[in-house]
Amino acid sequence: RVWGEIQYEHGATYAGASASNVKLSPGGDSELELFAGYKPEALG
């Protein structure tokens, strides 16, 4: 596998994109992602 990812973070939030090769039974040969998230802290 070869992959790469780029991400922007600001405080507890982040967003980015990634790409990787795959070999999946439905025929997919690459996996492209767009993502966003939030990282809070609570209750330990």
ModelCIF file with pLDDT and N, C-alpha, C, O atoms, coordinates in Angstrom:
data_MODEL
#
_entry.id   MODEL 
#
_entity.id                         1 
_entity.type                       polymer 
_entity.pdbx_number_of_molecules   1 
#
_entity_poly.entity_id                      1 
_entity_poly.type                           'polypeptide(L)' 
_entity_poly.nstd_linkage                   no 
_entity_poly.nstd_monomer                   no 
_entity_poly.pdbx_seq_one_letter_code       RVWGEIQYEHGATYAGASASNVKLSPGGDSELELFAGYKPEALG 
_entity_poly.pdbx_seq_one_letter_code_can   RVWGEIQYEHGATYAGASASNVKLSPGGDSELELFAGYKPEALG 
_entity_poly.pdbx_strand_id                 A 
#
loop_
_entity_poly_seq.entity_id 
_entity_poly_seq.num 
_entity_poly_seq.mon_id 
_entity_poly_seq.hetero 
1 1  ARG n 
1 2  VAL n 
1 3  TRP n 
1 4  GLY n 
1 5  GLU n 
1 6  ILE n 
1 7  GLN n 
1 8  TYR n 
1 9  GLU n 
1 10 HIS n 
1 11 GLY n 
1 12 ALA n 
1 13 THR n 
1 14 TYR n 
1 15 ALA n 
1 16 GLY n 
1 17 ALA n 
1 18 SER n 
1 19 ALA n 
1 20 SER n 
1 21 ASN n 
1 22 VAL n 
1 23 LYS n 
1 24 LEU n 
1 25 SER n 
1 26 PRO n 
1 27 GLY n 
1 28 GLY n 
1 29 ASP n 
1 30 SER n 
1 31 GLU n 
1 32 LEU n 
1 33 GLU n 
1 34 LEU n 
1 35 PHE n 
1 36 ALA n 
1 37 GLY n 
1 38 TYR n 
1 39 LYS n 
1 40 PRO n 
1 41 GLU n 
1 42 ALA n 
1 43 LEU n 
1 44 GLY n 
#
_struct_asym.id          A 
_struct_asym.entity_id   1 
#
loop_
_ma_qa_metric.id 
_ma_qa_metric.mode 
_ma_qa_metric.name 
_ma_qa_metric.software_group_id 
_ma_qa_metric.type 
1 global pLDDT . pLDDT 
2 local  pLDDT . pLDDT 
#
_ma_qa_metric_global.metric_id      1 
_ma_qa_metric_global.metric_value   95.36 
_ma_qa_metric_global.model_id       1 
_ma_qa_metric_global.ordinal_id     1 
#
loop_
_ma_qa_metric_local.label_asym_id 
_ma_qa_metric_local.label_comp_id 
_ma_qa_metric_local.label_seq_id 
_ma_qa_metric_local.metric_id 
_ma_qa_metric_local.metric_value 
_ma_qa_metric_local.model_id 
_ma_qa_metric_local.ordinal_id 
A ARG 1  2 90.00 1 1  
A VAL 2  2 91.00 1 2  
A TRP 3  2 90.00 1 3  
A GLY 4  2 92.00 1 4  
A GLU 5  2 93.00 1 5  
A ILE 6  2 95.00 1 6  
A GLN 7  2 94.00 1 7  
A TYR 8  2 96.00 1 8  
A GLU 9  2 95.00 1 9  
A HIS 10 2 96.00 1 10 
A GLY 11 2 95.00 1 11 
A ALA 12 2 96.00 1 12 
A THR 13 2 97.00 1 13 
A TYR 14 2 97.00 1 14 
A ALA 15 2 98.00 1 15 
A GLY 16 2 97.00 1 16 
A ALA 17 2 98.00 1 17 
A SER 18 2 97.00 1 18 
A ALA 19 2 97.00 1 19 
A SER 20 2 95.00 1 20 
A ASN 21 2 96.00 1 21 
A VAL 22 2 96.00 1 22 
A LYS 23 2 95.00 1 23 
A LEU 24 2 93.00 1 24 
A SER 25 2 90.00 1 25 
A PRO 26 2 92.00 1 26 
A GLY 27 2 94.00 1 27 
A GLY 28 2 94.00 1 28 
A ASP 29 2 96.00 1 29 
A SER 30 2 97.00 1 30 
A GLU 31 2 98.00 1 31 
A LEU 32 2 98.00 1 32 
A GLU 33 2 98.00 1 33 
A LEU 34 2 98.00 1 34 
A PHE 35 2 98.00 1 35 
A ALA 36 2 98.00 1 36 
A GLY 37 2 98.00 1 37 
A TYR 38 2 98.00 1 38 
A LYS 39 2 97.00 1 39 
A PRO 40 2 97.00 1 40 
A GLU 41 2 96.00 1 41 
A ALA 42 2 95.00 1 42 
A LEU 43 2 92.00 1 43 
A GLY 44 2 93.00 1 44 
#
loop_
_atom_site.group_PDB 
_atom_site.id 
_atom_site.type_symbol 
_atom_site.label_atom_id 
_atom_site.label_alt_id 
_atom_site.label_comp_id 
_atom_site.label_asym_id 
_atom_site.label_entity_id 
_atom_site.label_seq_id 
_atom_site.pdbx_PDB_ins_code 
_atom_site.Cartn_x 
_atom_site.Cartn_y 
_atom_site.Cartn_z 
_atom_site.occupancy 
_atom_site.B_iso_or_equiv 
_atom_site.pdbx_formal_charge 
_atom_site.auth_seq_id 
_atom_site.auth_comp_id 
_atom_site.auth_asym_id 
_atom_site.auth_atom_id 
_atom_site.pdbx_PDB_model_num 
ATOM 1   N N  . ARG A 1 1  ? 0.832   -1.196 0.000  1.00 90.00 ? 1  ARG A N  1 
ATOM 2   C CA . ARG A 1 1  ? 0.000   0.000  0.000  1.00 90.00 ? 1  ARG A CA 1 
ATOM 3   C C  . ARG A 1 1  ? 0.872   1.252  0.000  1.00 90.00 ? 1  ARG A C  1 
ATOM 4   O O  . ARG A 1 1  ? 1.915   1.296  0.651  1.00 90.00 ? 1  ARG A O  1 
ATOM 5   N N  . VAL A 1 2  ? 0.430   2.268  -0.738 1.00 91.00 ? 2  VAL A N  1 
ATOM 6   C CA . VAL A 1 2  ? 1.037   3.601  -0.700 1.00 91.00 ? 2  VAL A CA 1 
ATOM 7   C C  . VAL A 1 2  ? -0.084  4.591  -0.443 1.00 91.00 ? 2  VAL A C  1 
ATOM 8   O O  . VAL A 1 2  ? -1.133  4.515  -1.083 1.00 91.00 ? 2  VAL A O  1 
ATOM 9   N N  . TRP A 1 3  ? 0.121   5.522  0.485  1.00 90.00 ? 3  TRP A N  1 
ATOM 10  C CA . TRP A 1 3  ? -0.948  6.474  0.787  1.00 90.00 ? 3  TRP A CA 1 
ATOM 11  C C  . TRP A 1 3  ? -0.382  7.840  1.145  1.00 90.00 ? 3  TRP A C  1 
ATOM 12  O O  . TRP A 1 3  ? 0.795   7.988  1.473  1.00 90.00 ? 3  TRP A O  1 
ATOM 13  N N  . GLY A 1 4  ? -1.255  8.819  1.070  1.00 92.00 ? 4  GLY A N  1 
ATOM 14  C CA . GLY A 1 4  ? -0.903  10.175 1.462  1.00 92.00 ? 4  GLY A CA 1 
ATOM 15  C C  . GLY A 1 4  ? -2.114  10.874 2.050  1.00 92.00 ? 4  GLY A C  1 
ATOM 16  O O  . GLY A 1 4  ? -3.253  10.552 1.712  1.00 92.00 ? 4  GLY A O  1 
ATOM 17  N N  . GLU A 1 5  ? -1.866  11.824 2.923  1.00 93.00 ? 5  GLU A N  1 
ATOM 18  C CA . GLU A 1 5  ? -2.950  12.546 3.588  1.00 93.00 ? 5  GLU A CA 1 
ATOM 19  C C  . GLU A 1 5  ? -2.528  13.977 3.847  1.00 93.00 ? 5  GLU A C  1 
ATOM 20  O O  . GLU A 1 5  ? -1.370  14.240 4.168  1.00 93.00 ? 5  GLU A O  1 
ATOM 21  N N  . ILE A 1 6  ? -3.459  14.895 3.710  1.00 95.00 ? 6  ILE A N  1 
ATOM 22  C CA . ILE A 1 6  ? -3.247  16.283 4.083  1.00 95.00 ? 6  ILE A CA 1 
ATOM 23  C C  . ILE A 1 6  ? -4.391  16.709 4.980  1.00 95.00 ? 6  ILE A C  1 
ATOM 24  O O  . ILE A 1 6  ? -5.538  16.320 4.760  1.00 95.00 ? 6  ILE A O  1 
ATOM 25  N N  . GLN A 1 7  ? -4.079  17.516 6.001  1.00 94.00 ? 7  GLN A N  1 
ATOM 26  C CA . GLN A 1 7  ? -5.081  17.840 7.016  1.00 94.00 ? 7  GLN A CA 1 
ATOM 27  C C  . GLN A 1 7  ? -4.858  19.250 7.539  1.00 94.00 ? 7  GLN A C  1 
ATOM 28  O O  . GLN A 1 7  ? -3.722  19.704 7.673  1.00 94.00 ? 7  GLN A O  1 
ATOM 29  N N  . TYR A 1 8  ? -5.953  19.934 7.830  1.00 96.00 ? 8  TYR A N  1 
ATOM 30  C CA . TYR A 1 8  ? -5.887  21.254 8.454  1.00 96.00 ? 8  TYR A CA 1 
ATOM 31  C C  . TYR A 1 8  ? -6.533  21.165 9.830  1.00 96.00 ? 8  TYR A C  1 
ATOM 32  O O  . TYR A 1 8  ? -7.653  20.675 9.965  1.00 96.00 ? 8  TYR A O  1 
ATOM 33  N N  . GLU A 1 9  ? -5.823  21.641 10.850 1.00 95.00 ? 9  GLU A N  1 
ATOM 34  C CA . GLU A 1 9  ? -6.333  21.625 12.221 1.00 95.00 ? 9  GLU A CA 1 
ATOM 35  C C  . GLU A 1 9  ? -6.479  23.045 12.748 1.00 95.00 ? 9  GLU A C  1 
ATOM 36  O O  . GLU A 1 9  ? -5.654  23.919 12.482 1.00 95.00 ? 9  GLU A O  1 
ATOM 37  N N  . HIS A 1 10 ? -7.546  23.247 13.500 1.00 96.00 ? 10 HIS A N  1 
ATOM 38  C CA . HIS A 1 10 ? -7.749  24.526 14.176 1.00 96.00 ? 10 HIS A CA 1 
ATOM 39  C C  . HIS A 1 10 ? -8.428  24.247 15.509 1.00 96.00 ? 10 HIS A C  1 
ATOM 40  O O  . HIS A 1 10 ? -9.608  23.901 15.556 1.00 96.00 ? 10 HIS A O  1 
ATOM 41  N N  . GLY A 1 11 ? -7.674  24.400 16.586 1.00 95.00 ? 11 GLY A N  1 
ATOM 42  C CA . GLY A 1 11 ? -8.225  24.070 17.892 1.00 95.00 ? 11 GLY A CA 1 
ATOM 43  C C  . GLY A 1 11 ? -8.567  22.592 17.959 1.00 95.00 ? 11 GLY A C  1 
ATOM 44  O O  . GLY A 1 11 ? -7.727  21.733 17.691 1.00 95.00 ? 11 GLY A O  1 
ATOM 45  N N  . ALA A 1 12 ? -9.809  22.309 18.319 1.00 96.00 ? 12 ALA A N  1 
ATOM 46  C CA . ALA A 1 12 ? -10.249 20.916 18.449 1.00 96.00 ? 12 ALA A CA 1 
ATOM 47  C C  . ALA A 1 12 ? -10.879 20.381 17.169 1.00 96.00 ? 12 ALA A C  1 
ATOM 48  O O  . ALA A 1 12 ? -11.357 19.247 17.153 1.00 96.00 ? 12 ALA A O  1 
ATOM 49  N N  . THR A 1 13 ? -10.890 21.169 16.093 1.00 97.00 ? 13 THR A N  1 
ATOM 50  C CA . THR A 1 13 ? -11.508 20.732 14.842 1.00 97.00 ? 13 THR A CA 1 
ATOM 51  C C  . THR A 1 13 ? -10.437 20.450 13.789 1.00 97.00 ? 13 THR A C  1 
ATOM 52  O O  . THR A 1 13 ? -9.326  20.976 13.857 1.00 97.00 ? 13 THR A O  1 
ATOM 53  N N  . TYR A 1 14 ? -10.789 19.619 12.824 1.00 97.00 ? 14 TYR A N  1 
ATOM 54  C CA . TYR A 1 14 ? -9.867  19.309 11.740 1.00 97.00 ? 14 TYR A CA 1 
ATOM 55  C C  . TYR A 1 14 ? -10.646 18.871 10.509 1.00 97.00 ? 14 TYR A C  1 
ATOM 56  O O  . TYR A 1 14 ? -11.805 18.468 10.604 1.00 97.00 ? 14 TYR A O  1 
ATOM 57  N N  . ALA A 1 15 ? -9.996  18.955 9.354  1.00 98.00 ? 15 ALA A N  1 
ATOM 58  C CA . ALA A 1 15 ? -10.576 18.496 8.095  1.00 98.00 ? 15 ALA A CA 1 
ATOM 59  C C  . ALA A 1 15 ? -9.436  18.176 7.145  1.00 98.00 ? 15 ALA A C  1 
ATOM 60  O O  . ALA A 1 15 ? -8.347  18.738 7.264  1.00 98.00 ? 15 ALA A O  1 
ATOM 61  N N  . GLY A 1 16 ? -9.683  17.274 6.200  1.00 97.00 ? 16 GLY A N  1 
ATOM 62  C CA . GLY A 1 16 ? -8.618  16.930 5.284  1.00 97.00 ? 16 GLY A CA 1 
ATOM 63  C C  . GLY A 1 16 ? -9.054  15.968 4.210  1.00 97.00 ? 16 GLY A C  1 
ATOM 64  O O  . GLY A 1 16 ? -10.243 15.714 4.019  1.00 97.00 ? 16 GLY A O  1 
ATOM 65  N N  . ALA A 1 17 ? -8.059  15.430 3.504  1.00 98.00 ? 17 ALA A N  1 
ATOM 66  C CA . ALA A 1 17 ? -8.286  14.494 2.409  1.00 98.00 ? 17 ALA A CA 1 
ATOM 67  C C  . ALA A 1 17 ? -7.154  13.481 2.388  1.00 98.00 ? 17 ALA A C  1 
ATOM 68  O O  . ALA A 1 17 ? -6.039  13.783 2.814  1.00 98.00 ? 17 ALA A O  1 
ATOM 69  N N  . SER A 1 18 ? -7.435  12.282 1.897  1.00 97.00 ? 18 SER A N  1 
ATOM 70  C CA . SER A 1 18 ? -6.411  11.247 1.790  1.00 97.00 ? 18 SER A CA 1 
ATOM 71  C C  . SER A 1 18 ? -6.659  10.392 0.558  1.00 97.00 ? 18 SER A C  1 
ATOM 72  O O  . SER A 1 18 ? -7.759  10.379 0.006  1.00 97.00 ? 18 SER A O  1 
ATOM 73  N N  . ALA A 1 19 ? -5.620  9.677  0.133  1.00 97.00 ? 19 ALA A N  1 
ATOM 74  C CA . ALA A 1 19 ? -5.716  8.788  -1.027 1.00 97.00 ? 19 ALA A CA 1 
ATOM 75  C C  . ALA A 1 19 ? -4.838  7.576  -0.794 1.00 97.00 ? 19 ALA A C  1 
ATOM 76  O O  . ALA A 1 19 ? -3.755  7.683  -0.220 1.00 97.00 ? 19 ALA A O  1 
ATOM 77  N N  . SER A 1 20 ? -5.311  6.416  -1.244 1.00 95.00 ? 20 SER A N  1 
ATOM 78  C CA . SER A 1 20 ? -4.567  5.172  -1.091 1.00 95.00 ? 20 SER A CA 1 
ATOM 79  C C  . SER A 1 20 ? -4.953  4.223  -2.205 1.00 95.00 ? 20 SER A C  1 
ATOM 80  O O  . SER A 1 20 ? -6.066  4.295  -2.725 1.00 95.00 ? 20 SER A O  1 
ATOM 81  N N  . ASN A 1 21 ? -4.044  3.331  -2.579 1.00 96.00 ? 21 ASN A N  1 
ATOM 82  C CA . ASN A 1 21 ? -4.410  2.244  -3.476 1.00 96.00 ? 21 ASN A CA 1 
ATOM 83  C C  . ASN A 1 21 ? -5.133  1.161  -2.691 1.00 96.00 ? 21 ASN A C  1 
ATOM 84  O O  . ASN A 1 21 ? -4.846  0.948  -1.513 1.00 96.00 ? 21 ASN A O  1 
ATOM 85  N N  . VAL A 1 22 ? -6.065  0.478  -3.335 1.00 96.00 ? 22 VAL A N  1 
ATOM 86  C CA . VAL A 1 22 ? -6.766  -0.671 -2.763 1.00 96.00 ? 22 VAL A CA 1 
ATOM 87  C C  . VAL A 1 22 ? -6.968  -1.699 -3.867 1.00 96.00 ? 22 VAL A C  1 
ATOM 88  O O  . VAL A 1 22 ? -6.704  -1.419 -5.037 1.00 96.00 ? 22 VAL A O  1 
ATOM 89  N N  . LYS A 1 23 ? -7.431  -2.877 -3.502 1.00 95.00 ? 23 LYS A N  1 
ATOM 90  C CA . LYS A 1 23 ? -7.819  -3.914 -4.463 1.00 95.00 ? 23 LYS A CA 1 
ATOM 91  C C  . LYS A 1 23 ? -9.017  -4.634 -3.865 1.00 95.00 ? 23 LYS A C  1 
ATOM 92  O O  . LYS A 1 23 ? -8.865  -5.588 -3.102 1.00 95.00 ? 23 LYS A O  1 
ATOM 93  N N  . LEU A 1 24 ? -10.223 -4.162 -4.221 1.00 93.00 ? 24 LEU A N  1 
ATOM 94  C CA . LEU A 1 24 ? -11.452 -4.621 -3.595 1.00 93.00 ? 24 LEU A CA 1 
ATOM 95  C C  . LEU A 1 24 ? -12.276 -5.471 -4.556 1.00 93.00 ? 24 LEU A C  1 
ATOM 96  O O  . LEU A 1 24 ? -12.213 -5.287 -5.772 1.00 93.00 ? 24 LEU A O  1 
ATOM 97  N N  . SER A 1 25 ? -13.046 -6.398 -4.003 1.00 90.00 ? 25 SER A N  1 
ATOM 98  C CA . SER A 1 25 ? -13.810 -7.321 -4.842 1.00 90.00 ? 25 SER A CA 1 
ATOM 99  C C  . SER A 1 25 ? -14.820 -6.625 -5.754 1.00 90.00 ? 25 SER A C  1 
ATOM 100 O O  . SER A 1 25 ? -15.051 -7.126 -6.854 1.00 90.00 ? 25 SER A O  1 
ATOM 101 N N  . PRO A 1 26 ? -15.449 -5.483 -5.365 1.00 92.00 ? 26 PRO A N  1 
ATOM 102 C CA . PRO A 1 26 ? -16.342 -4.802 -6.317 1.00 92.00 ? 26 PRO A CA 1 
ATOM 103 C C  . PRO A 1 26 ? -15.597 -4.060 -7.423 1.00 92.00 ? 26 PRO A C  1 
ATOM 104 O O  . PRO A 1 26 ? -16.232 -3.441 -8.278 1.00 92.00 ? 26 PRO A O  1 
ATOM 105 N N  . GLY A 1 27 ? -14.247 -4.108 -7.426 1.00 94.00 ? 27 GLY A N  1 
ATOM 106 C CA . GLY A 1 27 ? -13.476 -3.523 -8.516 1.00 94.00 ? 27 GLY A CA 1 
ATOM 107 C C  . GLY A 1 27 ? -12.701 -2.275 -8.170 1.00 94.00 ? 27 GLY A C  1 
ATOM 108 O O  . GLY A 1 27 ? -11.858 -1.850 -8.961 1.00 94.00 ? 27 GLY A O  1 
ATOM 109 N N  . GLY A 1 28 ? -12.948 -1.665 -7.015 1.00 94.00 ? 28 GLY A N  1 
ATOM 110 C CA . GLY A 1 28 ? -12.254 -0.438 -6.649 1.00 94.00 ? 28 GLY A CA 1 
ATOM 111 C C  . GLY A 1 28 ? -10.743 -0.632 -6.581 1.00 94.00 ? 28 GLY A C  1 
ATOM 112 O O  . GLY A 1 28 ? -10.258 -1.592 -5.981 1.00 94.00 ? 28 GLY A O  1 
ATOM 113 N N  . ASP A 1 29 ? -9.990  0.302  -7.213 1.00 96.00 ? 29 ASP A N  1 
ATOM 114 C CA . ASP A 1 29 ? -8.534  0.211  -7.207 1.00 96.00 ? 29 ASP A CA 1 
ATOM 115 C C  . ASP A 1 29 ? -7.864  1.344  -6.437 1.00 96.00 ? 29 ASP A C  1 
ATOM 116 O O  . ASP A 1 29 ? -6.639  1.378  -6.319 1.00 96.00 ? 29 ASP A O  1 
ATOM 117 N N  . SER A 1 30 ? -8.655  2.264  -5.918 1.00 97.00 ? 30 SER A N  1 
ATOM 118 C CA . SER A 1 30 ? -8.126  3.335  -5.078 1.00 97.00 ? 30 SER A CA 1 
ATOM 119 C C  . SER A 1 30 ? -9.219  3.812  -4.136 1.00 97.00 ? 30 SER A C  1 
ATOM 120 O O  . SER A 1 30 ? -10.409 3.644  -4.401 1.00 97.00 ? 30 SER A O  1 
ATOM 121 N N  . GLU A 1 31 ? -8.795  4.402  -3.043 1.00 98.00 ? 31 GLU A N  1 
ATOM 122 C CA . GLU A 1 31 ? -9.720  4.913  -2.028 1.00 98.00 ? 31 GLU A CA 1 
ATOM 123 C C  . GLU A 1 31 ? -9.404  6.379  -1.792 1.00 98.00 ? 31 GLU A C  1 
ATOM 124 O O  . GLU A 1 31 ? -8.313  6.726  -1.341 1.00 98.00 ? 31 GLU A O  1 
ATOM 125 N N  . LEU A 1 32 ? -10.368 7.236  -2.100 1.00 98.00 ? 32 LEU A N  1 
ATOM 126 C CA . LEU A 1 32 ? -10.223 8.677  -1.918 1.00 98.00 ? 32 LEU A CA 1 
ATOM 127 C C  . LEU A 1 32 ? -11.160 9.115  -0.807 1.00 98.00 ? 32 LEU A C  1 
ATOM 128 O O  . LEU A 1 32 ? -12.330 8.735  -0.796 1.00 98.00 ? 32 LEU A O  1 
ATOM 129 N N  . GLU A 1 33 ? -10.654 9.915  0.132  1.00 98.00 ? 33 GLU A N  1 
ATOM 130 C CA . GLU A 1 33 ? -11.439 10.294 1.302  1.00 98.00 ? 33 GLU A CA 1 
ATOM 131 C C  . GLU A 1 33 ? -11.435 11.805 1.511  1.00 98.00 ? 33 GLU A C  1 
ATOM 132 O O  . GLU A 1 33 ? -10.430 12.478 1.280  1.00 98.00 ? 33 GLU A O  1 
ATOM 133 N N  . LEU A 1 34 ? -12.563 12.313 1.948  1.00 98.00 ? 34 LEU A N  1 
ATOM 134 C CA . LEU A 1 34 ? -12.701 13.656 2.499  1.00 98.00 ? 34 LEU A CA 1 
ATOM 135 C C  . LEU A 1 34 ? -13.261 13.496 3.904  1.00 98.00 ? 34 LEU A C  1 
ATOM 136 O O  . LEU A 1 34 ? -14.236 12.772 4.101  1.00 98.00 ? 34 LEU A O  1 
ATOM 137 N N  . PHE A 1 35 ? -12.658 14.160 4.883  1.00 98.00 ? 35 PHE A N  1 
ATOM 138 C CA . PHE A 1 35 ? -13.088 13.942 6.260  1.00 98.00 ? 35 PHE A CA 1 
ATOM 139 C C  . PHE A 1 35 ? -13.032 15.238 7.066  1.00 98.00 ? 35 PHE A C  1 
ATOM 140 O O  . PHE A 1 35 ? -12.324 16.186 6.726  1.00 98.00 ? 35 PHE A O  1 
ATOM 141 N N  . ALA A 1 36 ? -13.809 15.236 8.147  1.00 98.00 ? 36 ALA A N  1 
ATOM 142 C CA . ALA A 1 36 ? -13.811 16.347 9.092  1.00 98.00 ? 36 ALA A CA 1 
ATOM 143 C C  . ALA A 1 36 ? -14.134 15.784 10.467 1.00 98.00 ? 36 ALA A C  1 
ATOM 144 O O  . ALA A 1 36 ? -14.844 14.786 10.590 1.00 98.00 ? 36 ALA A O  1 
ATOM 145 N N  . GLY A 1 37 ? -13.602 16.439 11.508 1.00 98.00 ? 37 GLY A N  1 
ATOM 146 C CA . GLY A 1 37 ? -13.827 15.907 12.839 1.00 98.00 ? 37 GLY A CA 1 
ATOM 147 C C  . GLY A 1 37 ? -13.665 16.933 13.929 1.00 98.00 ? 37 GLY A C  1 
ATOM 148 O O  . GLY A 1 37 ? -13.288 18.079 13.687 1.00 98.00 ? 37 GLY A O  1 
ATOM 149 N N  . TYR A 1 38 ? -13.961 16.494 15.140 1.00 98.00 ? 38 TYR A N  1 
ATOM 150 C CA . TYR A 1 38 ? -13.930 17.346 16.334 1.00 98.00 ? 38 TYR A CA 1 
ATOM 151 C C  . TYR A 1 38 ? -13.390 16.514 17.493 1.00 98.00 ? 38 TYR A C  1 
ATOM 152 O O  . TYR A 1 38 ? -13.805 15.369 17.678 1.00 98.00 ? 38 TYR A O  1 
ATOM 153 N N  . LYS A 1 39 ? -12.463 17.082 18.279 1.00 97.00 ? 39 LYS A N  1 
ATOM 154 C CA . LYS A 1 39 ? -11.796 16.356 19.362 1.00 97.00 ? 39 LYS A CA 1 
ATOM 155 C C  . LYS A 1 39 ? -12.015 17.054 20.707 1.00 97.00 ? 39 LYS A C  1 
ATOM 156 O O  . LYS A 1 39 ? -11.145 17.789 21.174 1.00 97.00 ? 39 LYS A O  1 
ATOM 157 N N  . PRO A 1 40 ? -13.164 16.828 21.321 1.00 97.00 ? 40 PRO A N  1 
ATOM 158 C CA . PRO A 1 40 ? -13.409 17.421 22.643 1.00 97.00 ? 40 PRO A CA 1 
ATOM 159 C C  . PRO A 1 40 ? -12.855 16.539 23.762 1.00 97.00 ? 40 PRO A C  1 
ATOM 160 O O  . PRO A 1 40 ? -12.492 15.386 23.530 1.00 97.00 ? 40 PRO A O  1 
ATOM 161 N N  . GLU A 1 41 ? -12.796 17.084 24.961 1.00 96.00 ? 41 GLU A N  1 
ATOM 162 C CA . GLU A 1 41 ? -12.433 16.335 26.160 1.00 96.00 ? 41 GLU A CA 1 
ATOM 163 C C  . GLU A 1 41 ? -13.565 16.471 27.170 1.00 96.00 ? 41 GLU A C  1 
ATOM 164 O O  . GLU A 1 41 ? -14.082 17.566 27.392 1.00 96.00 ? 41 GLU A O  1 
ATOM 165 N N  . ALA A 1 42 ? -13.946 15.341 27.783 1.00 95.00 ? 42 ALA A N  1 
ATOM 166 C CA . ALA A 1 42 ? -15.034 15.353 28.760 1.00 95.00 ? 42 ALA A CA 1 
ATOM 167 C C  . ALA A 1 42 ? -14.974 14.097 29.611 1.00 95.00 ? 42 ALA A C  1 
ATOM 168 O O  . ALA A 1 42 ? -14.654 13.018 29.113 1.00 95.00 ? 42 ALA A O  1 
ATOM 169 N N  . LEU A 1 43 ? -15.280 14.234 30.891 1.00 92.00 ? 43 LEU A N  1 
ATOM 170 C CA . LEU A 1 43 ? -15.398 13.104 31.815 1.00 92.00 ? 43 LEU A CA 1 
ATOM 171 C C  . LEU A 1 43 ? -14.123 12.264 31.882 1.00 92.00 ? 43 LEU A C  1 
ATOM 172 O O  . LEU A 1 43 ? -14.179 11.053 32.094 1.00 92.00 ? 43 LEU A O  1 
ATOM 173 N N  . GLY A 1 44 ? -12.982 12.915 31.699 1.00 93.00 ? 44 GLY A N  1 
ATOM 174 C CA . GLY A 1 44 ? -11.715 12.208 31.750 1.00 93.00 ? 44 GLY A CA 1 
ATOM 175 C C  . GLY A 1 44 ? -11.339 11.497 30.475 1.00 93.00 ? 44 GLY A C  1 
ATOM 176 O O  . GLY A 1 44 ? -10.285 10.866 30.409 1.00 93.00 ? 44 GLY A O  1 
#
